[in-house]
Amino acid sequence: MKDKVKKLWPEIDWIKDNSLREKTLDAWIYAIENSVITTDDLEIIPFSLLIKDCGISFINHKRTCVQLAVDIAKRMKENFGDSIQINMDHLIAGAILIDVGKLIEYDKIDGKLTISHTGKLLRHPFSGVAIADRFGLPPEVLHIIAYHSKEGDLGKRSVESIIVHHADFVSFEPFKA
Protein backbone atom coordinates (compact mmCIF):
# COMPACT_ATOMS: atom_id res chain seq x y z
CA MET A 1 0.00 0.00 0.00
CA LYS A 2 2.87 2.36 0.80
CA ASP A 3 4.14 2.28 -2.79
CA LYS A 4 0.65 2.90 -4.16
CA VAL A 5 0.17 5.95 -1.95
CA LYS A 6 3.62 7.29 -2.83
CA LYS A 7 2.72 6.90 -6.51
CA LEU A 8 -0.48 8.89 -5.92
CA TRP A 9 1.36 11.50 -3.88
CA PRO A 10 4.88 12.18 -5.24
CA GLU A 11 4.58 15.55 -3.44
CA ILE A 12 5.01 13.70 -0.14
CA ASP A 13 8.72 13.59 -0.99
CA TRP A 14 8.75 17.41 -0.92
CA ILE A 15 8.44 17.18 2.88
CA LYS A 16 12.01 17.42 4.15
CA ASP A 17 11.36 16.23 7.71
CA ASN A 18 11.47 12.41 7.58
CA SER A 19 9.17 11.92 10.55
CA LEU A 20 6.55 14.33 9.19
CA ARG A 21 6.76 12.72 5.75
CA GLU A 22 6.20 9.23 7.21
CA LYS A 23 3.31 10.37 9.40
CA THR A 24 1.65 12.04 6.41
CA LEU A 25 2.07 8.85 4.39
CA ASP A 26 0.77 6.70 7.26
CA ALA A 27 -2.36 8.86 7.61
CA TRP A 28 -3.16 8.37 3.93
CA ILE A 29 -2.53 4.63 4.10
CA TYR A 30 -4.85 4.37 7.11
CA ALA A 31 -7.59 6.39 5.39
CA ILE A 32 -7.46 4.25 2.25
CA GLU A 33 -7.41 1.01 4.22
CA ASN A 34 -10.50 2.17 6.15
CA SER A 35 -12.44 3.43 3.15
CA VAL A 36 -14.55 1.93 0.37
CA ILE A 37 -12.34 4.01 -1.95
CA THR A 38 -9.22 2.40 -3.45
CA THR A 39 -6.08 4.08 -4.73
CA ASP A 40 -7.33 3.39 -8.26
CA ASP A 41 -10.66 5.07 -7.44
CA LEU A 42 -8.87 8.27 -6.44
CA GLU A 43 -7.67 8.65 -10.04
CA ILE A 44 -11.25 8.34 -11.34
CA ILE A 45 -13.82 9.57 -8.82
CA PRO A 46 -14.87 13.23 -8.95
CA PHE A 47 -13.19 15.48 -6.40
CA SER A 48 -16.58 16.60 -5.17
CA LEU A 49 -20.02 15.05 -5.02
CA LEU A 50 -21.37 18.61 -4.79
CA ILE A 51 -20.60 19.34 -8.46
CA LYS A 52 -22.87 17.73 -11.05
CA ASP A 53 -20.94 15.91 -13.78
CA CYS A 54 -17.59 16.88 -12.27
CA GLY A 55 -14.89 15.72 -14.67
CA ILE A 56 -11.92 16.50 -12.42
CA SER A 57 -10.66 13.54 -10.43
CA PHE A 58 -10.09 13.59 -6.69
CA ILE A 59 -6.31 13.18 -6.99
CA ASN A 60 -6.01 15.73 -9.81
CA HIS A 61 -7.74 18.36 -7.67
CA LYS A 62 -5.73 17.43 -4.57
CA ARG A 63 -2.36 17.45 -6.28
CA THR A 64 -3.21 20.77 -7.98
CA CYS A 65 -4.07 22.24 -4.58
CA VAL A 66 -0.74 21.12 -3.09
CA GLN A 67 1.22 22.43 -6.07
CA LEU A 68 -0.60 25.78 -6.01
CA ALA A 69 -0.01 26.14 -2.27
CA VAL A 70 3.72 25.54 -2.71
CA ASP A 71 3.88 27.98 -5.64
CA ILE A 72 2.06 30.67 -3.64
CA ALA A 73 4.30 30.16 -0.60
CA LYS A 74 7.46 30.33 -2.71
CA ARG A 75 6.31 33.55 -4.39
CA MET A 76 5.45 35.09 -1.02
CA LYS A 77 8.89 34.19 0.35
CA GLU A 78 10.57 35.61 -2.78
CA ASN A 79 8.66 38.88 -2.54
CA PHE A 80 8.41 39.36 1.23
CA GLY A 81 11.63 37.71 2.37
CA ASP A 82 12.12 37.61 6.12
CA SER A 83 8.94 39.65 6.68
CA ILE A 84 6.96 36.41 6.45
CA GLN A 85 7.63 33.05 8.02
CA ILE A 86 6.23 29.99 6.23
CA ASN A 87 6.94 26.46 7.37
CA MET A 88 7.01 24.66 4.03
CA ASP A 89 6.92 21.17 5.58
CA HIS A 90 3.78 22.01 7.56
CA LEU A 91 2.23 23.66 4.51
CA ILE A 92 2.92 20.65 2.26
CA ALA A 93 1.82 18.04 4.80
CA GLY A 94 -1.32 20.04 5.57
CA ALA A 95 -2.17 20.52 1.90
CA ILE A 96 -1.72 16.80 1.24
CA LEU A 97 -3.93 15.93 4.21
CA ILE A 98 -6.78 18.47 3.98
CA ASP A 99 -9.10 16.00 2.25
CA VAL A 100 -7.89 12.74 3.80
CA GLY A 101 -11.12 12.69 5.81
CA LYS A 102 -13.15 12.58 2.60
CA LEU A 103 -12.22 8.94 2.26
CA ILE A 104 -14.34 8.28 5.34
CA GLU A 105 -17.16 10.45 3.92
CA TYR A 106 -17.70 8.15 0.94
CA ASP A 107 -19.74 5.00 0.59
CA LYS A 108 -20.61 2.85 -2.38
CA ILE A 109 -24.15 1.59 -2.79
CA ASP A 110 -24.80 -0.63 -5.79
CA GLY A 111 -21.48 0.57 -7.22
CA LYS A 112 -22.52 4.23 -6.99
CA LEU A 113 -20.53 6.72 -4.92
CA THR A 114 -22.53 8.38 -2.17
CA ILE A 115 -22.09 10.01 1.24
CA SER A 116 -21.57 7.56 4.11
CA HIS A 117 -23.37 7.69 7.44
CA THR A 118 -20.18 9.09 8.99
CA GLY A 119 -19.92 11.64 6.19
CA LYS A 120 -23.43 12.86 6.96
CA LEU A 121 -22.48 13.38 10.61
CA LEU A 122 -18.90 14.65 10.26
CA ARG A 123 -17.47 16.70 7.44
CA HIS A 124 -13.98 15.85 6.26
CA PRO A 125 -12.10 18.59 8.17
CA PHE A 126 -13.18 16.90 11.42
CA SER A 127 -12.51 13.31 10.35
CA GLY A 128 -9.27 14.48 8.70
CA VAL A 129 -8.02 15.99 11.96
CA ALA A 130 -8.92 12.75 13.78
CA ILE A 131 -6.98 10.65 11.26
CA ALA A 132 -3.94 12.94 11.28
CA ASP A 133 -3.92 13.16 15.08
CA ARG A 134 -3.94 9.36 15.27
CA PHE A 135 -0.48 9.45 13.66
CA GLY A 136 0.93 12.24 15.80
CA LEU A 137 0.99 14.97 13.19
CA PRO A 138 1.80 18.34 14.79
CA PRO A 139 -0.94 20.81 15.76
CA GLU A 140 0.19 23.18 12.99
CA VAL A 141 -0.75 20.53 10.40
CA LEU A 142 -3.99 19.67 12.23
CA HIS A 143 -4.81 23.40 12.12
CA ILE A 144 -4.42 23.48 8.31
CA ILE A 145 -6.73 20.47 7.95
CA ALA A 146 -9.33 21.91 10.33
CA TYR A 147 -9.33 25.42 8.89
CA HIS A 148 -9.01 24.75 5.15
CA SER A 149 -12.75 24.83 4.39
CA LYS A 150 -15.75 26.88 5.43
CA GLU A 151 -15.58 25.44 8.96
CA GLY A 152 -12.46 27.55 9.46
CA ASP A 153 -14.06 30.84 8.47
CA LEU A 154 -14.80 31.80 12.07
CA GLY A 155 -11.28 31.22 13.37
CA LYS A 156 -7.90 32.81 12.86
CA ARG A 157 -5.93 30.95 10.21
CA SER A 158 -2.14 30.59 10.28
CA VAL A 159 -0.28 31.84 7.19
CA GLU A 160 0.11 28.22 6.00
CA SER A 161 -3.61 27.64 6.48
CA ILE A 162 -4.50 30.83 4.58
CA ILE A 163 -2.38 29.72 1.64
CA VAL A 164 -3.78 26.17 1.57
CA HIS A 165 -7.35 27.45 2.01
CA HIS A 166 -7.04 29.69 -1.03
CA ALA A 167 -5.20 27.09 -3.12
CA ASP A 168 -8.02 24.65 -2.38
CA PHE A 169 -10.73 27.09 -3.36
CA VAL A 170 -8.88 28.28 -6.48
CA SER A 171 -8.89 24.68 -7.69
CA PHE A 172 -12.55 24.16 -6.64
CA GLU A 173 -14.60 27.29 -7.35
CA PRO A 174 -14.15 27.40 -11.17
CA PHE A 175 -15.88 24.02 -11.42
CA LYS A 176 -18.93 24.89 -9.30
CA ALA A 177 -22.12 25.16 -11.29
C-alpha atoms as a PDB file:
ATOM      1  CA  MET A   1       0.000   0.000   0.000  1.00  0.00           C
ATOM      2  CA  LYS A   2       2.873   2.358   0.800  1.00  0.00           C
ATOM      3  CA  ASP A   3       4.145   2.275  -2.790  1.00  0.00           C
ATOM      4  CA  LYS A   4       0.650   2.897  -4.162  1.00  0.00           C
ATOM      5  CA  VAL A   5       0.166   5.948  -1.951  1.00  0.00           C
ATOM      6  CA  LYS A   6       3.618   7.290  -2.827  1.00  0.00           C
ATOM      7  CA  LYS A   7       2.724   6.903  -6.508  1.00  0.00           C
ATOM      8  CA  LEU A   8      -0.484   8.886  -5.920  1.00  0.00           C
ATOM      9  CA  TRP A   9       1.364  11.503  -3.880  1.00  0.00           C
ATOM     10  CA  PRO A  10       4.876  12.181  -5.239  1.00  0.00           C
ATOM     11  CA  GLU A  11       4.578  15.547  -3.439  1.00  0.00           C
ATOM     12  CA  ILE A  12       5.014  13.703  -0.141  1.00  0.00           C
ATOM     13  CA  ASP A  13       8.716  13.591  -0.988  1.00  0.00           C
ATOM     14  CA  TRP A  14       8.753  17.405  -0.923  1.00  0.00           C
ATOM     15  CA  ILE A  15       8.442  17.185   2.875  1.00  0.00           C
ATOM     16  CA  LYS A  16      12.010  17.422   4.149  1.00  0.00           C
ATOM     17  CA  ASP A  17      11.357  16.232   7.712  1.00  0.00           C
ATOM     18  CA  ASN A  18      11.475  12.409   7.577  1.00  0.00           C
ATOM     19  CA  SER A  19       9.166  11.923  10.546  1.00  0.00           C
ATOM     20  CA  LEU A  20       6.546  14.334   9.193  1.00  0.00           C
ATOM     21  CA  ARG A  21       6.763  12.715   5.753  1.00  0.00           C
ATOM     22  CA  GLU A  22       6.198   9.232   7.210  1.00  0.00           C
ATOM     23  CA  LYS A  23       3.309  10.370   9.401  1.00  0.00           C
ATOM     24  CA  THR A  24       1.651  12.037   6.413  1.00  0.00           C
ATOM     25  CA  LEU A  25       2.065   8.847   4.392  1.00  0.00           C
ATOM     26  CA  ASP A  26       0.766   6.697   7.261  1.00  0.00           C
ATOM     27  CA  ALA A  27      -2.357   8.857   7.611  1.00  0.00           C
ATOM     28  CA  TRP A  28      -3.162   8.371   3.926  1.00  0.00           C
ATOM     29  CA  ILE A  29      -2.533   4.629   4.104  1.00  0.00           C
ATOM     30  CA  TYR A  30      -4.853   4.367   7.113  1.00  0.00           C
ATOM     31  CA  ALA A  31      -7.595   6.387   5.387  1.00  0.00           C
ATOM     32  CA  ILE A  32      -7.464   4.249   2.249  1.00  0.00           C
ATOM     33  CA  GLU A  33      -7.413   1.010   4.225  1.00  0.00           C
ATOM     34  CA  ASN A  34     -10.504   2.173   6.147  1.00  0.00           C
ATOM     35  CA  SER A  35     -12.442   3.425   3.146  1.00  0.00           C
ATOM     36  CA  VAL A  36     -14.547   1.929   0.373  1.00  0.00           C
ATOM     37  CA  ILE A  37     -12.335   4.014  -1.946  1.00  0.00           C
ATOM     38  CA  THR A  38      -9.223   2.405  -3.448  1.00  0.00           C
ATOM     39  CA  THR A  39      -6.077   4.081  -4.728  1.00  0.00           C
ATOM     40  CA  ASP A  40      -7.327   3.387  -8.260  1.00  0.00           C
ATOM     41  CA  ASP A  41     -10.658   5.065  -7.438  1.00  0.00           C
ATOM     42  CA  LEU A  42      -8.872   8.275  -6.445  1.00  0.00           C
ATOM     43  CA  GLU A  43      -7.666   8.649 -10.037  1.00  0.00           C
ATOM     44  CA  ILE A  44     -11.247   8.340 -11.343  1.00  0.00           C
ATOM     45  CA  ILE A  45     -13.824   9.573  -8.821  1.00  0.00           C
ATOM     46  CA  PRO A  46     -14.865  13.234  -8.946  1.00  0.00           C
ATOM     47  CA  PHE A  47     -13.188  15.482  -6.399  1.00  0.00           C
ATOM     48  CA  SER A  48     -16.578  16.601  -5.166  1.00  0.00           C
ATOM     49  CA  LEU A  49     -20.015  15.055  -5.016  1.00  0.00           C
ATOM     50  CA  LEU A  50     -21.372  18.610  -4.791  1.00  0.00           C
ATOM     51  CA  ILE A  51     -20.597  19.338  -8.456  1.00  0.00           C
ATOM     52  CA  LYS A  52     -22.872  17.727 -11.046  1.00  0.00           C
ATOM     53  CA  ASP A  53     -20.938  15.913 -13.778  1.00  0.00           C
ATOM     54  CA  CYS A  54     -17.587  16.883 -12.268  1.00  0.00           C
ATOM     55  CA  GLY A  55     -14.888  15.719 -14.673  1.00  0.00           C
ATOM     56  CA  ILE A  56     -11.916  16.498 -12.424  1.00  0.00           C
ATOM     57  CA  SER A  57     -10.661  13.536 -10.426  1.00  0.00           C
ATOM     58  CA  PHE A  58     -10.087  13.586  -6.686  1.00  0.00           C
ATOM     59  CA  ILE A  59      -6.315  13.177  -6.992  1.00  0.00           C
ATOM     60  CA  ASN A  60      -6.011  15.729  -9.813  1.00  0.00           C
ATOM     61  CA  HIS A  61      -7.739  18.356  -7.669  1.00  0.00           C
ATOM     62  CA  LYS A  62      -5.733  17.431  -4.573  1.00  0.00           C
ATOM     63  CA  ARG A  63      -2.356  17.454  -6.285  1.00  0.00           C
ATOM     64  CA  THR A  64      -3.207  20.770  -7.978  1.00  0.00           C
ATOM     65  CA  CYS A  65      -4.066  22.243  -4.581  1.00  0.00           C
ATOM     66  CA  VAL A  66      -0.739  21.119  -3.095  1.00  0.00           C
ATOM     67  CA  GLN A  67       1.218  22.430  -6.067  1.00  0.00           C
ATOM     68  CA  LEU A  68      -0.604  25.780  -6.007  1.00  0.00           C
ATOM     69  CA  ALA A  69      -0.013  26.139  -2.266  1.00  0.00           C
ATOM     70  CA  VAL A  70       3.717  25.540  -2.711  1.00  0.00           C
ATOM     71  CA  ASP A  71       3.877  27.979  -5.642  1.00  0.00           C
ATOM     72  CA  ILE A  72       2.056  30.666  -3.637  1.00  0.00           C
ATOM     73  CA  ALA A  73       4.298  30.161  -0.605  1.00  0.00           C
ATOM     74  CA  LYS A  74       7.462  30.333  -2.706  1.00  0.00           C
ATOM     75  CA  ARG A  75       6.307  33.545  -4.390  1.00  0.00           C
ATOM     76  CA  MET A  76       5.446  35.087  -1.025  1.00  0.00           C
ATOM     77  CA  LYS A  77       8.891  34.187   0.350  1.00  0.00           C
ATOM     78  CA  GLU A  78      10.575  35.614  -2.775  1.00  0.00           C
ATOM     79  CA  ASN A  79       8.664  38.878  -2.537  1.00  0.00           C
ATOM     80  CA  PHE A  80       8.406  39.364   1.231  1.00  0.00           C
ATOM     81  CA  GLY A  81      11.635  37.709   2.365  1.00  0.00           C
ATOM     82  CA  ASP A  82      12.120  37.609   6.122  1.00  0.00           C
ATOM     83  CA  SER A  83       8.945  39.653   6.678  1.00  0.00           C
ATOM     84  CA  ILE A  84       6.959  36.415   6.449  1.00  0.00           C
ATOM     85  CA  GLN A  85       7.634  33.046   8.020  1.00  0.00           C
ATOM     86  CA  ILE A  86       6.229  29.992   6.231  1.00  0.00           C
ATOM     87  CA  ASN A  87       6.942  26.462   7.373  1.00  0.00           C
ATOM     88  CA  MET A  88       7.010  24.655   4.032  1.00  0.00           C
ATOM     89  CA  ASP A  89       6.921  21.167   5.581  1.00  0.00           C
ATOM     90  CA  HIS A  90       3.780  22.009   7.556  1.00  0.00           C
ATOM     91  CA  LEU A  91       2.229  23.658   4.509  1.00  0.00           C
ATOM     92  CA  ILE A  92       2.915  20.649   2.259  1.00  0.00           C
ATOM     93  CA  ALA A  93       1.819  18.041   4.801  1.00  0.00           C
ATOM     94  CA  GLY A  94      -1.322  20.039   5.570  1.00  0.00           C
ATOM     95  CA  ALA A  95      -2.174  20.520   1.900  1.00  0.00           C
ATOM     96  CA  ILE A  96      -1.721  16.805   1.241  1.00  0.00           C
ATOM     97  CA  LEU A  97      -3.929  15.927   4.214  1.00  0.00           C
ATOM     98  CA  ILE A  98      -6.784  18.465   3.976  1.00  0.00           C
ATOM     99  CA  ASP A  99      -9.103  15.999   2.250  1.00  0.00           C
ATOM    100  CA  VAL A 100      -7.887  12.739   3.799  1.00  0.00           C
ATOM    101  CA  GLY A 101     -11.121  12.694   5.814  1.00  0.00           C
ATOM    102  CA  LYS A 102     -13.154  12.578   2.596  1.00  0.00           C
ATOM    103  CA  LEU A 103     -12.218   8.936   2.261  1.00  0.00           C
ATOM    104  CA  ILE A 104     -14.340   8.279   5.343  1.00  0.00           C
ATOM    105  CA  GLU A 105     -17.162  10.449   3.922  1.00  0.00           C
ATOM    106  CA  TYR A 106     -17.695   8.146   0.944  1.00  0.00           C
ATOM    107  CA  ASP A 107     -19.743   5.005   0.594  1.00  0.00           C
ATOM    108  CA  LYS A 108     -20.612   2.847  -2.383  1.00  0.00           C
ATOM    109  CA  ILE A 109     -24.147   1.594  -2.790  1.00  0.00           C
ATOM    110  CA  ASP A 110     -24.796  -0.633  -5.786  1.00  0.00           C
ATOM    111  CA  GLY A 111     -21.484   0.569  -7.222  1.00  0.00           C
ATOM    112  CA  LYS A 112     -22.523   4.230  -6.988  1.00  0.00           C
ATOM    113  CA  LEU A 113     -20.529   6.716  -4.917  1.00  0.00           C
ATOM    114  CA  THR A 114     -22.531   8.376  -2.166  1.00  0.00           C
ATOM    115  CA  ILE A 115     -22.086  10.013   1.244  1.00  0.00           C
ATOM    116  CA  SER A 116     -21.568   7.562   4.106  1.00  0.00           C
ATOM    117  CA  HIS A 117     -23.366   7.691   7.437  1.00  0.00           C
ATOM    118  CA  THR A 118     -20.177   9.086   8.991  1.00  0.00           C
ATOM    119  CA  GLY A 119     -19.917  11.636   6.194  1.00  0.00           C
ATOM    120  CA  LYS A 120     -23.429  12.860   6.961  1.00  0.00           C
ATOM    121  CA  LEU A 121     -22.481  13.379  10.607  1.00  0.00           C
ATOM    122  CA  LEU A 122     -18.900  14.645  10.264  1.00  0.00           C
ATOM    123  CA  ARG A 123     -17.473  16.704   7.440  1.00  0.00           C
ATOM    124  CA  HIS A 124     -13.978  15.849   6.263  1.00  0.00           C
ATOM    125  CA  PRO A 125     -12.101  18.593   8.167  1.00  0.00           C
ATOM    126  CA  PHE A 126     -13.175  16.899  11.423  1.00  0.00           C
ATOM    127  CA  SER A 127     -12.510  13.311  10.352  1.00  0.00           C
ATOM    128  CA  GLY A 128      -9.274  14.477   8.701  1.00  0.00           C
ATOM    129  CA  VAL A 129      -8.018  15.987  11.957  1.00  0.00           C
ATOM    130  CA  ALA A 130      -8.918  12.749  13.778  1.00  0.00           C
ATOM    131  CA  ILE A 131      -6.985  10.650  11.260  1.00  0.00           C
ATOM    132  CA  ALA A 132      -3.940  12.941  11.278  1.00  0.00           C
ATOM    133  CA  ASP A 133      -3.918  13.158  15.077  1.00  0.00           C
ATOM    134  CA  ARG A 134      -3.939   9.356  15.268  1.00  0.00           C
ATOM    135  CA  PHE A 135      -0.481   9.447  13.663  1.00  0.00           C
ATOM    136  CA  GLY A 136       0.928  12.243  15.802  1.00  0.00           C
ATOM    137  CA  LEU A 137       0.990  14.970  13.191  1.00  0.00           C
ATOM    138  CA  PRO A 138       1.801  18.343  14.787  1.00  0.00           C
ATOM    139  CA  PRO A 139      -0.938  20.813  15.756  1.00  0.00           C
ATOM    140  CA  GLU A 140       0.194  23.177  12.989  1.00  0.00           C
ATOM    141  CA  VAL A 141      -0.753  20.530  10.404  1.00  0.00           C
ATOM    142  CA  LEU A 142      -3.990  19.673  12.227  1.00  0.00           C
ATOM    143  CA  HIS A 143      -4.814  23.405  12.117  1.00  0.00           C
ATOM    144  CA  ILE A 144      -4.423  23.480   8.310  1.00  0.00           C
ATOM    145  CA  ILE A 145      -6.735  20.465   7.947  1.00  0.00           C
ATOM    146  CA  ALA A 146      -9.332  21.907  10.327  1.00  0.00           C
ATOM    147  CA  TYR A 147      -9.326  25.424   8.890  1.00  0.00           C
ATOM    148  CA  HIS A 148      -9.014  24.747   5.148  1.00  0.00           C
ATOM    149  CA  SER A 149     -12.746  24.829   4.392  1.00  0.00           C
ATOM    150  CA  LYS A 150     -15.751  26.878   5.425  1.00  0.00           C
ATOM    151  CA  GLU A 151     -15.577  25.445   8.955  1.00  0.00           C
ATOM    152  CA  GLY A 152     -12.457  27.551   9.457  1.00  0.00           C
ATOM    153  CA  ASP A 153     -14.064  30.842   8.469  1.00  0.00           C
ATOM    154  CA  LEU A 154     -14.797  31.804  12.075  1.00  0.00           C
ATOM    155  CA  GLY A 155     -11.278  31.217  13.374  1.00  0.00           C
ATOM    156  CA  LYS A 156      -7.900  32.812  12.856  1.00  0.00           C
ATOM    157  CA  ARG A 157      -5.928  30.945  10.211  1.00  0.00           C
ATOM    158  CA  SER A 158      -2.142  30.587  10.276  1.00  0.00           C
ATOM    159  CA  VAL A 159      -0.284  31.835   7.194  1.00  0.00           C
ATOM    160  CA  GLU A 160       0.109  28.222   5.998  1.00  0.00           C
ATOM    161  CA  SER A 161      -3.612  27.637   6.482  1.00  0.00           C
ATOM    162  CA  ILE A 162      -4.504  30.827   4.584  1.00  0.00           C
ATOM    163  CA  ILE A 163      -2.376  29.718   1.638  1.00  0.00           C
ATOM    164  CA  VAL A 164      -3.781  26.169   1.574  1.00  0.00           C
ATOM    165  CA  HIS A 165      -7.355  27.451   2.012  1.00  0.00           C
ATOM    166  CA  HIS A 166      -7.038  29.694  -1.031  1.00  0.00           C
ATOM    167  CA  ALA A 167      -5.200  27.093  -3.122  1.00  0.00           C
ATOM    168  CA  ASP A 168      -8.015  24.646  -2.379  1.00  0.00           C
ATOM    169  CA  PHE A 169     -10.734  27.093  -3.364  1.00  0.00           C
ATOM    170  CA  VAL A 170      -8.877  28.281  -6.479  1.00  0.00           C
ATOM    171  CA  SER A 171      -8.892  24.676  -7.693  1.00  0.00           C
ATOM    172  CA  PHE A 172     -12.547  24.160  -6.642  1.00  0.00           C
ATOM    173  CA  GLU A 173     -14.600  27.288  -7.349  1.00  0.00           C
ATOM    174  CA  PRO A 174     -14.153  27.405 -11.169  1.00  0.00           C
ATOM    175  CA  PHE A 175     -15.884  24.024 -11.424  1.00  0.00           C
ATOM    176  CA  LYS A 176     -18.932  24.886  -9.302  1.00  0.00           C
ATOM    177  CA  ALA A 177     -22.124  25.160 -11.290  1.00  0.00           C
END
